[in-house]
Amino acid sequence: MNKGSRPNPDDRRDNVDRIEFNIGQTIKNIRLADEMIEKTDDEKMKKDLVEKNKRREEALSDMRAEIRDEALDKRNDYL
């Protein structure tokens, strides 16, 4: 660390916005993958996309829990 420099404080004010953006992107990717699953005859690709979407659904669940936590922390002024 350079002399006189301090670590940046933990700024969580934009966490809810960032998580909401990530949720939107994940939903978009799920829909795109679903469209590809419907259109392709490649069974391996279908299987891979189904597995990816399962992981995306799990990630969505985690992000939704995280956004609830962040909203509560924000309401409590991050105490």
Protein backbone atom coordinates (compact mmCIF):
# COMPACT_ATOMS: atom_id res chain seq x y z
CA MET A 1 0.00 0.00 0.00
CA ASN A 2 1.31 3.48 -0.83
CA LYS A 3 2.18 5.77 2.01
CA GLY A 4 -0.82 7.84 3.01
CA SER A 5 -3.35 5.80 1.06
CA ARG A 6 -6.27 4.21 2.82
CA PRO A 7 -8.44 1.31 1.73
CA ASN A 8 -11.72 2.32 0.15
CA PRO A 9 -14.65 2.15 2.56
CA ASP A 10 -17.27 -0.51 1.88
CA ASP A 11 -19.84 1.40 -0.20
CA ARG A 12 -22.93 -0.76 -0.41
CA ARG A 13 -25.36 1.90 -1.63
CA ASP A 14 -25.55 0.49 -5.15
CA ASN A 15 -25.71 -3.20 -4.18
CA VAL A 16 -29.48 -3.45 -4.66
CA ASP A 17 -29.23 -1.89 -8.13
CA ARG A 18 -26.34 -4.18 -9.07
CA ILE A 19 -28.18 -7.27 -7.87
CA GLU A 20 -31.36 -6.22 -9.69
CA PHE A 21 -29.32 -5.80 -12.88
CA ASN A 22 -27.78 -9.26 -12.43
CA ILE A 23 -31.22 -10.79 -11.85
CA GLY A 24 -32.48 -9.22 -15.07
CA GLN A 25 -29.48 -10.48 -17.03
CA THR A 26 -29.87 -13.98 -15.61
CA ILE A 27 -33.58 -14.08 -16.52
CA LYS A 28 -32.70 -12.90 -20.02
CA ASN A 29 -30.10 -15.67 -20.35
CA ILE A 30 -32.59 -18.28 -19.15
CA ARG A 31 -35.10 -17.17 -21.79
CA LEU A 32 -32.48 -17.18 -24.54
CA ALA A 33 -31.34 -20.65 -23.53
CA ASP A 34 -34.96 -21.86 -23.49
CA GLU A 35 -35.38 -20.56 -27.05
CA MET A 36 -32.23 -22.38 -28.14
CA ILE A 37 -33.43 -25.58 -26.46
CA GLU A 38 -36.68 -25.38 -28.46
CA LYS A 39 -34.88 -24.76 -31.76
CA THR A 40 -31.96 -27.17 -31.64
CA ASP A 41 -31.87 -30.87 -32.48
CA ASP A 42 -28.46 -31.24 -30.81
CA GLU A 43 -29.20 -33.35 -27.72
CA LYS A 44 -25.88 -32.55 -26.05
CA MET A 45 -26.50 -28.81 -26.47
CA LYS A 46 -30.01 -29.22 -25.05
CA LYS A 47 -28.66 -31.12 -22.04
CA ASP A 48 -25.93 -28.52 -21.45
CA LEU A 49 -28.42 -25.64 -21.69
CA VAL A 50 -30.86 -27.35 -19.33
CA GLU A 51 -28.04 -27.82 -16.80
CA LYS A 52 -26.97 -24.18 -17.18
CA ASN A 53 -30.52 -23.02 -16.61
CA LYS A 54 -30.75 -25.13 -13.45
CA ARG A 55 -27.66 -23.36 -12.13
CA ARG A 56 -29.10 -20.01 -13.21
CA GLU A 57 -32.33 -20.73 -11.32
CA GLU A 58 -30.31 -21.53 -8.21
CA ALA A 59 -28.34 -18.31 -8.67
CA LEU A 60 -31.60 -16.37 -9.01
CA SER A 61 -32.79 -17.77 -5.72
CA ASP A 62 -29.52 -16.73 -4.08
CA MET A 63 -29.63 -13.25 -5.63
CA ARG A 64 -33.22 -12.72 -4.47
CA ALA A 65 -32.22 -13.66 -0.92
CA GLU A 66 -29.24 -11.33 -1.16
CA ILE A 67 -31.37 -8.44 -2.38
CA ARG A 68 -33.75 -8.93 0.57
CA ASP A 69 -30.78 -8.83 2.95
CA GLU A 70 -29.37 -5.71 1.30
CA ALA A 71 -32.75 -3.96 1.38
CA LEU A 72 -33.07 -4.70 5.10
CA ASP A 73 -29.51 -3.50 5.74
CA LYS A 74 -30.19 -0.34 3.74
CA ARG A 75 -33.36 0.31 5.74
CA ASN A 76 -31.26 -0.04 8.90
CA ASP A 77 -28.56 2.30 7.54
CA TYR A 78 -26.08 -0.62 7.20
CA LEU A 79 -25.63 -1.01 10.95
